[in-house]
Amino acid sequence: MSQNILFEEIAADIKNNDIVLYMKGTKEMPQCGFSSAISGLLTHLDVPFKAVNTLDKPEMRQGIKDYTDWPTIPQLYIKGEFIGGYDIVKVMHEKGELQDFLKEKGLLAAA
């Protein structure tokens, strides 16, 4: 798969889904602790998200890193915006910033 086609696939996923998590494994069976943590956090917040298993496609595993120029997986996108990886998402959640961002975007009901 050419990089252009791969980038088009990534761009379409990000555009067509409110929340996309590029992760190792699936929602039901994450294959790394960091992917499990973000997937579990989104599930706990009760926000629907598309999970893309980068272990299914080696070209996707490298392609998403090239797309964002971000060296690690998982990678979280909300409403087309790259949020970051595990460390950033964890800190945002602990400070309440993730929940606030999701509320601003209309994806999480106000408490």
PDB file of N, CA and C in Angstrom:
ATOM      1  N   MET A   1       0.866  -1.184   0.000  1.00  0.00           N
ATOM      2  CA  MET A   1       0.000   0.000   0.000  1.00  0.00           C
ATOM      3  C   MET A   1       0.903   1.236   0.000  1.00  0.00           C
ATOM      4  N   SER A   2       0.631   2.152  -0.904  1.00  0.00           N
ATOM      5  CA  SER A   2       1.454   3.358  -0.958  1.00  0.00           C
ATOM      6  C   SER A   2       1.141   4.263   0.231  1.00  0.00           C
ATOM      7  N   GLN A   3       2.101   5.106   0.550  1.00  0.00           N
ATOM      8  CA  GLN A   3       1.907   6.015   1.678  1.00  0.00           C
ATOM      9  C   GLN A   3       0.740   6.966   1.422  1.00  0.00           C
ATOM     10  N   ASN A   4       0.565   7.416   0.174  1.00  0.00           N
ATOM     11  CA  ASN A   4      -0.553   8.319  -0.138  1.00  0.00           C
ATOM     12  C   ASN A   4      -1.895   7.657   0.145  1.00  0.00           C
ATOM     13  N   ILE A   5      -2.044   6.410  -0.267  1.00  0.00           N
ATOM     14  CA  ILE A   5      -3.298   5.683  -0.036  1.00  0.00           C
ATOM     15  C   ILE A   5      -3.509   5.468   1.463  1.00  0.00           C
ATOM     16  N   LEU A   6      -2.448   5.123   2.159  1.00  0.00           N
ATOM     17  CA  LEU A   6      -2.529   4.924   3.604  1.00  0.00           C
ATOM     18  C   LEU A   6      -2.920   6.220   4.313  1.00  0.00           C
ATOM     19  N   PHE A   7      -2.296   7.325   3.930  1.00  0.00           N
ATOM     20  CA  PHE A   7      -2.633   8.625   4.530  1.00  0.00           C
ATOM     21  C   PHE A   7      -4.078   9.004   4.223  1.00  0.00           C
ATOM     22  N   GLU A   8      -4.571   8.675   3.019  1.00  0.00           N
ATOM     23  CA  GLU A   8      -5.976   8.946   2.684  1.00  0.00           C
ATOM     24  C   GLU A   8      -6.902   8.134   3.579  1.00  0.00           C
ATOM     25  N   GLU A   9      -6.543   6.882   3.838  1.00  0.00           N
ATOM     26  CA  GLU A   9      -7.343   6.023   4.723  1.00  0.00           C
ATOM     27  C   GLU A   9      -7.369   6.587   6.144  1.00  0.00           C
ATOM     28  N   ILE A  10      -6.217   7.011   6.634  1.00  0.00           N
ATOM     29  CA  ILE A  10      -6.132   7.596   7.976  1.00  0.00           C
ATOM     30  C   ILE A  10      -6.965   8.877   8.039  1.00  0.00           C
ATOM     31  N   ALA A  11      -6.788   9.747   7.062  1.00  0.00           N
ATOM     32  CA  ALA A  11      -7.531  11.019   7.033  1.00  0.00           C
ATOM     33  C   ALA A  11      -9.035  10.775   7.008  1.00  0.00           C
ATOM     34  N   ALA A  12      -9.480   9.775   6.235  1.00  0.00           N
ATOM     35  CA  ALA A  12     -10.912   9.458   6.160  1.00  0.00           C
ATOM     36  C   ALA A  12     -11.426   8.953   7.499  1.00  0.00           C
ATOM     37  N   ASP A  13     -10.664   8.083   8.161  1.00  0.00           N
ATOM     38  CA  ASP A  13     -11.075   7.584   9.483  1.00  0.00           C
ATOM     39  C   ASP A  13     -11.222   8.731  10.474  1.00  0.00           C
ATOM     40  N   ILE A  14     -10.250   9.633  10.473  1.00  0.00           N
ATOM     41  CA  ILE A  14     -10.259  10.754  11.420  1.00  0.00           C
ATOM     42  C   ILE A  14     -11.404  11.712  11.107  1.00  0.00           C
ATOM     43  N   LYS A  15     -11.682  11.916   9.825  1.00  0.00           N
ATOM     44  CA  LYS A  15     -12.751  12.829   9.419  1.00  0.00           C
ATOM     45  C   LYS A  15     -14.137  12.244   9.695  1.00  0.00           C
ATOM     46  N   ASN A  16     -14.290  10.946   9.496  1.00  0.00           N
ATOM     47  CA  ASN A  16     -15.606  10.312   9.544  1.00  0.00           C
ATOM     48  C   ASN A  16     -15.993   9.743  10.905  1.00  0.00           C
ATOM     49  N   ASN A  17     -15.118   9.885  11.888  1.00  0.00           N
ATOM     50  CA  ASN A  17     -15.392   9.370  13.231  1.00  0.00           C
ATOM     51  C   ASN A  17     -15.053  10.447  14.250  1.00  0.00           C
ATOM     52  N   ASP A  18     -15.932  10.654  15.217  1.00  0.00           N
ATOM     53  CA  ASP A  18     -15.689  11.685  16.227  1.00  0.00           C
ATOM     54  C   ASP A  18     -14.438  11.402  17.051  1.00  0.00           C
ATOM     55  N   ILE A  19     -14.249  10.129  17.396  1.00  0.00           N
ATOM     56  CA  ILE A  19     -13.089   9.732  18.189  1.00  0.00           C
ATOM     57  C   ILE A  19     -12.469   8.501  17.545  1.00  0.00           C
ATOM     58  N   VAL A  20     -11.165   8.578  17.306  1.00  0.00           N
ATOM     59  CA  VAL A  20     -10.435   7.442  16.735  1.00  0.00           C
ATOM     60  C   VAL A  20      -9.213   7.185  17.610  1.00  0.00           C
ATOM     61  N   LEU A  21      -9.032   5.927  17.967  1.00  0.00           N
ATOM     62  CA  LEU A  21      -7.863   5.510  18.738  1.00  0.00           C
ATOM     63  C   LEU A  21      -7.088   4.495  17.914  1.00  0.00           C
ATOM     64  N   TYR A  22      -5.894   4.875  17.502  1.00  0.00           N
ATOM     65  CA  TYR A  22      -4.979   3.948  16.857  1.00  0.00           C
ATOM     66  C   TYR A  22      -4.240   3.258  17.981  1.00  0.00           C
ATOM     67  N   MET A  23      -4.393   1.928  18.038  1.00  0.00           N
ATOM     68  CA  MET A  23      -3.912   1.191  19.196  1.00  0.00           C
ATOM     69  C   MET A  23      -3.342  -0.150  18.785  1.00  0.00           C
ATOM     70  N   LYS A  24      -2.686  -0.797  19.713  1.00  0.00           N
ATOM     71  CA  LYS A  24      -2.208  -2.159  19.508  1.00  0.00           C
ATOM     72  C   LYS A  24      -3.255  -3.080  20.108  1.00  0.00           C
ATOM     73  N   GLY A  25      -3.928  -3.824  19.242  1.00  0.00           N
ATOM     74  CA  GLY A  25      -4.999  -4.702  19.670  1.00  0.00           C
ATOM     75  C   GLY A  25      -6.356  -4.067  19.414  1.00  0.00           C
ATOM     76  N   THR A  26      -7.359  -4.611  20.070  1.00  0.00           N
ATOM     77  CA  THR A  26      -8.738  -4.153  19.895  1.00  0.00           C
ATOM     78  C   THR A  26      -9.272  -3.629  21.219  1.00  0.00           C
ATOM     79  N   LYS A  27     -10.455  -2.993  21.154  1.00  0.00           N
ATOM     80  CA  LYS A  27     -11.107  -2.538  22.393  1.00  0.00           C
ATOM     81  C   LYS A  27     -11.268  -3.711  23.363  1.00  0.00           C
ATOM     82  N   GLU A  28     -11.700  -4.836  22.802  1.00  0.00           N
ATOM     83  CA  GLU A  28     -11.994  -6.008  23.615  1.00  0.00           C
ATOM     84  C   GLU A  28     -10.731  -6.722  24.092  1.00  0.00           C
ATOM     85  N   MET A  29      -9.651  -6.598  23.312  1.00  0.00           N
ATOM     86  CA  MET A  29      -8.423  -7.299  23.656  1.00  0.00           C
ATOM     87  C   MET A  29      -7.203  -6.453  23.294  1.00  0.00           C
ATOM     88  N   PRO A  30      -6.944  -5.409  24.082  1.00  0.00           N
ATOM     89  CA  PRO A  30      -5.760  -4.583  23.838  1.00  0.00           C
ATOM     90  C   PRO A  30      -4.496  -5.433  23.989  1.00  0.00           C
ATOM     91  N   GLN A  31      -3.486  -5.105  23.202  1.00  0.00           N
ATOM     92  CA  GLN A  31      -2.257  -5.878  23.213  1.00  0.00           C
ATOM     93  C   GLN A  31      -1.072  -5.121  23.825  1.00  0.00           C
ATOM     94  N   CYS A  32      -1.338  -3.985  24.440  1.00  0.00           N
ATOM     95  CA  CYS A  32      -0.286  -3.298  25.203  1.00  0.00           C
ATOM     96  C   CYS A  32      -0.949  -2.504  26.318  1.00  0.00           C
ATOM     97  N   GLY A  33      -0.213  -2.276  27.366  1.00  0.00           N
ATOM     98  CA  GLY A  33      -0.773  -1.596  28.534  1.00  0.00           C
ATOM     99  C   GLY A  33      -1.228  -0.179  28.243  1.00  0.00           C
ATOM    100  N   PHE A  34      -0.489   0.537  27.402  1.00  0.00           N
ATOM    101  CA  PHE A  34      -0.850   1.923  27.096  1.00  0.00           C
ATOM    102  C   PHE A  34      -2.140   1.977  26.274  1.00  0.00           C
ATOM    103  N   SER A  35      -2.245   1.073  25.288  1.00  0.00           N
ATOM    104  CA  SER A  35      -3.474   1.001  24.497  1.00  0.00           C
ATOM    105  C   SER A  35      -4.649   0.616  25.378  1.00  0.00           C
ATOM    106  N   SER A  36      -4.432  -0.327  26.278  1.00  0.00           N
ATOM    107  CA  SER A  36      -5.479  -0.762  27.200  1.00  0.00           C
ATOM    108  C   SER A  36      -5.942   0.388  28.085  1.00  0.00           C
ATOM    109  N   ALA A  37      -4.995   1.191  28.548  1.00  0.00           N
ATOM    110  CA  ALA A  37      -5.337   2.296  29.450  1.00  0.00           C
ATOM    111  C   ALA A  37      -6.215   3.336  28.758  1.00  0.00           C
ATOM    112  N   ILE A  38      -5.853   3.747  27.546  1.00  0.00           N
ATOM    113  CA  ILE A  38      -6.664   4.764  26.855  1.00  0.00           C
ATOM    114  C   ILE A  38      -8.004   4.182  26.437  1.00  0.00           C
ATOM    115  N   SER A  39      -8.016   2.965  25.922  1.00  0.00           N
ATOM    116  CA  SER A  39      -9.272   2.328  25.542  1.00  0.00           C
ATOM    117  C   SER A  39     -10.198   2.209  26.757  1.00  0.00           C
ATOM    118  N   GLY A  40      -9.651   1.790  27.884  1.00  0.00           N
ATOM    119  CA  GLY A  40     -10.438   1.670  29.104  1.00  0.00           C
ATOM    120  C   GLY A  40     -10.957   3.005  29.594  1.00  0.00           C
ATOM    121  N   LEU A  41     -10.141   4.027  29.462  1.00  0.00           N
ATOM    122  CA  LEU A  41     -10.544   5.372  29.873  1.00  0.00           C
ATOM    123  C   LEU A  41     -11.720   5.862  29.029  1.00  0.00           C
ATOM    124  N   LEU A  42     -11.631   5.691  27.719  1.00  0.00           N
ATOM    125  CA  LEU A  42     -12.727   6.115  26.840  1.00  0.00           C
ATOM    126  C   LEU A  42     -13.993   5.314  27.119  1.00  0.00           C
ATOM    127  N   THR A  43     -13.820   4.025  27.374  1.00  0.00           N
ATOM    128  CA  THR A  43     -14.962   3.176  27.710  1.00  0.00           C
ATOM    129  C   THR A  43     -15.578   3.628  29.032  1.00  0.00           C
ATOM    130  N   HIS A  44     -14.740   3.927  30.012  1.00  0.00           N
ATOM    131  CA  HIS A  44     -15.218   4.406  31.317  1.00  0.00           C
ATOM    132  C   HIS A  44     -15.990   5.725  31.173  1.00  0.00           C
ATOM    133  N   LEU A  45     -15.516   6.608  30.295  1.00  0.00           N
ATOM    134  CA  LEU A  45     -16.209   7.877  30.061  1.00  0.00           C
ATOM    135  C   LEU A  45     -17.484   7.684  29.240  1.00  0.00           C
ATOM    136  N   ASP A  46     -17.671   6.477  28.731  1.00  0.00           N
ATOM    137  CA  ASP A  46     -18.863   6.115  27.966  1.00  0.00           C
ATOM    138  C   ASP A  46     -19.000   6.947  26.683  1.00  0.00           C
ATOM    139  N   VAL A  47     -17.865   7.122  26.009  1.00  0.00           N
ATOM    140  CA  VAL A  47     -17.884   7.795  24.711  1.00  0.00           C
ATOM    141  C   VAL A  47     -17.560   6.760  23.637  1.00  0.00           C
ATOM    142  N   PRO A  48     -18.374   6.699  22.594  1.00  0.00           N
ATOM    143  CA  PRO A  48     -18.089   5.743  21.520  1.00  0.00           C
ATOM    144  C   PRO A  48     -16.848   6.177  20.749  1.00  0.00           C
ATOM    145  N   PHE A  49     -16.056   5.200  20.341  1.00  0.00           N
ATOM    146  CA  PHE A  49     -14.863   5.515  19.561  1.00  0.00           C
ATOM    147  C   PHE A  49     -14.547   4.374  18.611  1.00  0.00           C
ATOM    148  N   LYS A  50     -13.873   4.738  17.530  1.00  0.00           N
ATOM    149  CA  LYS A  50     -13.396   3.736  16.583  1.00  0.00           C
ATOM    150  C   LYS A  50     -11.987   3.363  16.998  1.00  0.00           C
ATOM    151  N   ALA A  51     -11.750   2.083  17.151  1.00  0.00           N
ATOM    152  CA  ALA A  51     -10.419   1.587  17.461  1.00  0.00           C
ATOM    153  C   ALA A  51      -9.827   0.989  16.192  1.00  0.00           C
ATOM    154  N   VAL A  52      -8.615   1.390  15.866  1.00  0.00           N
ATOM    155  CA  VAL A  52      -7.913   0.850  14.710  1.00  0.00           C
ATOM    156  C   VAL A  52      -6.735   0.039  15.239  1.00  0.00           C
ATOM    157  N   ASN A  53      -6.769  -1.261  14.977  1.00  0.00           N
ATOM    158  CA  ASN A  53      -5.736  -2.174  15.447  1.00  0.00           C
ATOM    159  C   ASN A  53      -4.523  -2.093  14.518  1.00  0.00           C
ATOM    160  N   THR A  54      -3.470  -1.456  14.987  1.00  0.00           N
ATOM    161  CA  THR A  54      -2.276  -1.288  14.149  1.00  0.00           C
ATOM    162  C   THR A  54      -1.458  -2.575  14.049  1.00  0.00           C
ATOM    163  N   LEU A  55      -1.798  -3.577  14.829  1.00  0.00           N
ATOM    164  CA  LEU A  55      -1.095  -4.858  14.711  1.00  0.00           C
ATOM    165  C   LEU A  55      -1.605  -5.667  13.525  1.00  0.00           C
ATOM    166  N   ASP A  56      -2.802  -5.350  13.051  1.00  0.00           N
ATOM    167  CA  ASP A  56      -3.360  -6.048  11.892  1.00  0.00           C
ATOM    168  C   ASP A  56      -2.630  -5.694  10.604  1.00  0.00           C
ATOM    169  N   LYS A  57      -2.108  -4.487  10.535  1.00  0.00           N
ATOM    170  CA  LYS A  57      -1.458  -4.004   9.315  1.00  0.00           C
ATOM    171  C   LYS A  57      -0.125  -3.357   9.681  1.00  0.00           C
ATOM    172  N   PRO A  58       0.975  -4.013   9.374  1.00  0.00           N
ATOM    173  CA  PRO A  58       2.280  -3.404   9.676  1.00  0.00           C
ATOM    174  C   PRO A  58       2.449  -2.026   9.034  1.00  0.00           C
ATOM    175  N   GLU A  59       1.893  -1.847   7.835  1.00  0.00           N
ATOM    176  CA  GLU A  59       2.025  -0.548   7.172  1.00  0.00           C
ATOM    177  C   GLU A  59       1.260   0.537   7.930  1.00  0.00           C
ATOM    178  N   MET A  60       0.170   0.181   8.599  1.00  0.00           N
ATOM    179  CA  MET A  60      -0.589   1.149   9.387  1.00  0.00           C
ATOM    180  C   MET A  60       0.183   1.516  10.655  1.00  0.00           C
ATOM    181  N   ARG A  61       0.838   0.533  11.241  1.00  0.00           N
ATOM    182  CA  ARG A  61       1.603   0.781  12.469  1.00  0.00           C
ATOM    183  C   ARG A  61       2.663   1.857  12.216  1.00  0.00           C
ATOM    184  N   GLN A  62       3.351   1.781  11.085  1.00  0.00           N
ATOM    185  CA  GLN A  62       4.338   2.810  10.761  1.00  0.00           C
ATOM    186  C   GLN A  62       3.663   4.037  10.155  1.00  0.00           C
ATOM    187  N   GLY A  63       2.611   3.815   9.374  1.00  0.00           N
ATOM    188  CA  GLY A  63       1.939   4.917   8.673  1.00  0.00           C
ATOM    189  C   GLY A  63       1.352   5.957   9.606  1.00  0.00           C
ATOM    190  N   ILE A  64       0.750   5.522  10.701  1.00  0.00           N
ATOM    191  CA  ILE A  64       0.152   6.495  11.623  1.00  0.00           C
ATOM    192  C   ILE A  64       1.246   7.312  12.310  1.00  0.00           C
ATOM    193  N   LYS A  65       2.390   6.695  12.549  1.00  0.00           N
ATOM    194  CA  LYS A  65       3.520   7.432  13.127  1.00  0.00           C
ATOM    195  C   LYS A  65       4.028   8.488  12.148  1.00  0.00           C
ATOM    196  N   ASP A  66       4.097   8.120  10.876  1.00  0.00           N
ATOM    197  CA  ASP A  66       4.533   9.064   9.843  1.00  0.00           C
ATOM    198  C   ASP A  66       3.501  10.171   9.636  1.00  0.00           C
ATOM    199  N   TYR A  67       2.228   9.802   9.700  1.00  0.00           N
ATOM    200  CA  TYR A  67       1.134  10.758   9.472  1.00  0.00           C
ATOM    201  C   TYR A  67       1.198  11.912  10.462  1.00  0.00           C
ATOM    202  N   THR A  68       1.448  11.592  11.723  1.00  0.00           N
ATOM    203  CA  THR A  68       1.459  12.622  12.767  1.00  0.00           C
ATOM    204  C   THR A  68       2.862  13.084  13.147  1.00  0.00           C
ATOM    205  N   ASP A  69       3.870  12.364  12.657  1.00  0.00           N
ATOM    206  CA  ASP A  69       5.239  12.609  13.098  1.00  0.00           C
ATOM    207  C   ASP A  69       5.323  12.440  14.617  1.00  0.00           C
ATOM    208  N   TRP A  70       4.634  11.406  15.112  1.00  0.00           N
ATOM    209  CA  TRP A  70       4.590  11.062  16.533  1.00  0.00           C
ATOM    210  C   TRP A  70       5.111   9.636  16.654  1.00  0.00           C
ATOM    211  N   PRO A  71       6.093   9.368  17.510  1.00  0.00           N
ATOM    212  CA  PRO A  71       6.803   8.092  17.459  1.00  0.00           C
ATOM    213  C   PRO A  71       6.130   6.890  18.107  1.00  0.00           C
ATOM    214  N   THR A  72       5.012   7.087  18.801  1.00  0.00           N
ATOM    215  CA  THR A  72       4.456   5.969  19.562  1.00  0.00           C
ATOM    216  C   THR A  72       2.985   5.725  19.256  1.00  0.00           C
ATOM    217  N   ILE A  73       2.554   4.551  19.635  1.00  0.00           N
ATOM    218  CA  ILE A  73       1.154   4.130  19.585  1.00  0.00           C
ATOM    219  C   ILE A  73       0.831   3.717  21.010  1.00  0.00           C
ATOM    220  N   PRO A  74      -0.319   4.082  21.532  1.00  0.00           N
ATOM    221  CA  PRO A  74      -1.546   4.571  20.898  1.00  0.00           C
ATOM    222  C   PRO A  74      -1.495   6.060  20.552  1.00  0.00           C
ATOM    223  N   GLN A  75      -2.407   6.414  19.637  1.00  0.00           N
ATOM    224  CA  GLN A  75      -2.612   7.811  19.256  1.00  0.00           C
ATOM    225  C   GLN A  75      -4.109   8.080  19.241  1.00  0.00           C
ATOM    226  N   LEU A  76      -4.508   9.167  19.895  1.00  0.00           N
ATOM    227  CA  LEU A  76      -5.923   9.508  20.032  1.00  0.00           C
ATOM    228  C   LEU A  76      -6.252  10.761  19.229  1.00  0.00           C
ATOM    229  N   TYR A  77      -7.353  10.689  18.477  1.00  0.00           N
ATOM    230  CA  TYR A  77      -7.882  11.820  17.717  1.00  0.00           C
ATOM    231  C   TYR A  77      -9.307  12.078  18.174  1.00  0.00           C
ATOM    232  N   ILE A  78      -9.638  13.337  18.402  1.00  0.00           N
ATOM    233  CA  ILE A  78     -10.997  13.724  18.760  1.00  0.00           C
ATOM    234  C   ILE A  78     -11.424  14.842  17.833  1.00  0.00           C
ATOM    235  N   LYS A  79     -12.541  14.604  17.128  1.00  0.00           N
ATOM    236  CA  LYS A  79     -13.090  15.591  16.180  1.00  0.00           C
ATOM    237  C   LYS A  79     -12.008  16.107  15.228  1.00  0.00           C
ATOM    238  N   GLY A  80     -11.210  15.188  14.713  1.00  0.00           N
ATOM    239  CA  GLY A  80     -10.201  15.524  13.731  1.00  0.00           C
ATOM    240  C   GLY A  80      -8.907  16.067  14.290  1.00  0.00           C
ATOM    241  N   GLU A  81      -8.829  16.253  15.600  1.00  0.00           N
ATOM    242  CA  GLU A  81      -7.650  16.845  16.219  1.00  0.00           C
ATOM    243  C   GLU A  81      -6.808  15.763  16.897  1.00  0.00           C
ATOM    244  N   PHE A  82      -5.519  15.759  16.595  1.00  0.00           N
ATOM    245  CA  PHE A  82      -4.605  14.836  17.255  1.00  0.00           C
ATOM    246  C   PHE A  82      -4.408  15.288  18.696  1.00  0.00           C
ATOM    247  N   ILE A  83      -4.767  14.424  19.645  1.00  0.00           N
ATOM    248  CA  ILE A  83      -4.659  14.749  21.064  1.00  0.00           C
ATOM    249  C   ILE A  83      -3.288  14.338  21.591  1.00  0.00           C
ATOM    250  N   GLY A  84      -2.862  13.132  21.265  1.00  0.00           N
ATOM    251  CA  GLY A  84      -1.556  12.666  21.709  1.00  0.00           C
ATOM    252  C   GLY A  84      -1.591  11.193  22.042  1.00  0.00           C
ATOM    253  N   GLY A  85      -0.558  10.776  22.751  1.00  0.00           N
ATOM    254  CA  GLY A  85      -0.438   9.400  23.183  1.00  0.00           C
ATOM    255  C   GLY A  85      -0.823   9.243  24.638  1.00  0.00           C
ATOM    256  N   TYR A  86      -0.413   8.128  25.204  1.00  0.00           N
ATOM    257  CA  TYR A  86      -0.824   7.765  26.551  1.00  0.00           C
ATOM    258  C   TYR A  86      -0.501   8.838  27.593  1.00  0.00           C
ATOM    259  N   ASP A  87       0.743   9.307  27.625  1.00  0.00           N
ATOM    260  CA  ASP A  87       1.144  10.262  28.670  1.00  0.00           C
ATOM    261  C   ASP A  87       0.296  11.527  28.648  1.00  0.00           C
ATOM    262  N   ILE A  88       0.072  12.056  27.459  1.00  0.00           N
ATOM    263  CA  ILE A  88      -0.704  13.299  27.321  1.00  0.00           C
ATOM    264  C   ILE A  88      -2.155  13.067  27.719  1.00  0.00           C
ATOM    265  N   VAL A  89      -2.738  11.986  27.236  1.00  0.00           N
ATOM    266  CA  VAL A  89      -4.140  11.688  27.538  1.00  0.00           C
ATOM    267  C   VAL A  89      -4.316  11.450  29.038  1.00  0.00           C
ATOM    268  N   LYS A  90      -3.380  10.752  29.647  1.00  0.00           N
ATOM    269  CA  LYS A  90      -3.452  10.480  31.090  1.00  0.00           C
ATOM    270  C   LYS A  90      -3.446  11.783  31.892  1.00  0.00           C
ATOM    271  N   VAL A  91      -2.528  12.677  31.577  1.00  0.00           N
ATOM    272  CA  VAL A  91      -2.439  13.956  32.288  1.00  0.00           C
ATOM    273  C   VAL A  91      -3.700  14.786  32.049  1.00  0.00           C
ATOM    274  N   MET A  92      -4.165  14.827  30.801  1.00  0.00           N
ATOM    275  CA  MET A  92      -5.393  15.572  30.498  1.00  0.00           C
ATOM    276  C   MET A  92      -6.562  15.045  31.324  1.00  0.00           C
ATOM    277  N   HIS A  93      -6.674  13.728  31.422  1.00  0.00           N
ATOM    278  CA  HIS A  93      -7.763  13.132  32.185  1.00  0.00           C
ATOM    279  C   HIS A  93      -7.647  13.475  33.665  1.00  0.00           C
ATOM    280  N   GLU A  94      -6.442  13.359  34.211  1.00  0.00           N
ATOM    281  CA  GLU A  94      -6.236  13.643  35.638  1.00  0.00           C
ATOM    282  C   GLU A  94      -6.578  15.094  35.979  1.00  0.00           C
ATOM    283  N   LYS A  95      -6.337  16.017  35.049  1.00  0.00           N
ATOM    284  CA  LYS A  95      -6.632  17.434  35.275  1.00  0.00           C
ATOM    285  C   LYS A  95      -8.070  17.805  34.902  1.00  0.00           C
ATOM    286  N   GLY A  96      -8.818  16.850  34.341  1.00  0.00           N
ATOM    287  CA  GLY A  96     -10.183  17.129  33.899  1.00  0.00           C
ATOM    288  C   GLY A  96     -10.248  17.780  32.526  1.00  0.00           C
ATOM    289  N   GLU A  97      -9.092  17.975  31.897  1.00  0.00           N
ATOM    290  CA  GLU A  97      -9.050  18.644  30.594  1.00  0.00           C
ATOM    291  C   GLU A  97      -9.639  17.772  29.484  1.00  0.00           C
ATOM    292  N   LEU A  98      -9.445  16.469  29.579  1.00  0.00           N
ATOM    293  CA  LEU A  98      -9.992  15.570  28.560  1.00  0.00           C
ATOM    294  C   LEU A  98     -11.515  15.614  28.603  1.00  0.00           C
ATOM    295  N   GLN A  99     -12.082  15.536  29.802  1.00  0.00           N
ATOM    296  CA  GLN A  99     -13.521  15.580  29.948  1.00  0.00           C
ATOM    297  C   GLN A  99     -14.062  16.929  29.451  1.00  0.00           C
ATOM    298  N   ASP A 100     -13.382  18.011  29.789  1.00  0.00           N
ATOM    299  CA  ASP A 100     -13.797  19.339  29.327  1.00  0.00           C
ATOM    300  C   ASP A 100     -13.758  19.426  27.813  1.00  0.00           C
ATOM    301  N   PHE A 101     -12.713  18.892  27.209  1.00  0.00           N
ATOM    302  CA  PHE A 101     -12.573  18.915  25.754  1.00  0.00           C
ATOM    303  C   PHE A 101     -13.701  18.117  25.099  1.00  0.00           C
ATOM    304  N   LEU A 102     -13.982  16.938  25.653  1.00  0.00           N
ATOM    305  CA  LEU A 102     -15.069  16.115  25.113  1.00  0.00           C
ATOM    306  C   LEU A 102     -16.415  16.828  25.248  1.00  0.00           C
ATOM    307  N   LYS A 103     -16.635  17.527  26.351  1.00  0.00           N
ATOM    308  CA  LYS A 103     -17.876  18.297  26.538  1.00  0.00           C
ATOM    309  C   LYS A 103     -17.958  19.429  25.524  1.00  0.00           C
ATOM    310  N   GLU A 104     -16.846  20.143  25.324  1.00  0.00           N
ATOM    311  CA  GLU A 104     -16.812  21.252  24.341  1.00  0.00           C
ATOM    312  C   GLU A 104     -17.190  20.757  22.956  1.00  0.00           C
ATOM    313  N   LYS A 105     -16.751  19.550  22.638  1.00  0.00           N
ATOM    314  CA  LYS A 105     -16.997  18.985  21.311  1.00  0.00           C
ATOM    315  C   LYS A 105     -18.353  18.291  21.217  1.00  0.00           C
ATOM    316  N   GLY A 106     -19.111  18.323  22.323  1.00  0.00           N
ATOM    317  CA  GLY A 106     -20.444  17.715  22.321  1.00  0.00           C
ATOM    318  C   GLY A 106     -20.439  16.212  22.396  1.00  0.00           C
ATOM    319  N   LEU A 107     -19.356  15.641  22.898  1.00  0.00           N
ATOM    320  CA  LEU A 107     -19.224  14.171  22.930  1.00  0.00           C
ATOM    321  C   LEU A 107     -19.419  13.583  24.316  1.00  0.00           C
ATOM    322  N   LEU A 108     -19.491  14.444  25.317  1.00  0.00           N
ATOM    323  CA  LEU A 108     -19.673  13.997  26.691  1.00  0.00           C
ATOM    324  C   LEU A 108     -20.683  14.919  27.355  1.00  0.00           C
ATOM    325  N   ALA A 109     -21.686  14.321  27.947  1.00  0.00           N
ATOM    326  CA  ALA A 109     -22.717  15.119  28.601  1.00  0.00           C
ATOM    327  C   ALA A 109     -22.126  15.832  29.810  1.00  0.00           C
ATOM    328  N   ALA A 110     -22.568  17.038  30.048  1.00  0.00           N
ATOM    329  CA  ALA A 110     -22.140  17.802  31.231  1.00  0.00           C
ATOM    330  C   ALA A 110     -22.687  17.112  32.474  1.00  0.00           C
ATOM    331  N   ALA A 111     -21.881  17.054  33.507  1.00  0.00           N
ATOM    332  CA  ALA A 111     -22.304  16.375  34.743  1.00  0.00           C
ATOM    333  C   ALA A 111     -23.372  17.174  35.461  1.00  0.00           C
TER     334      ALA A 111
END
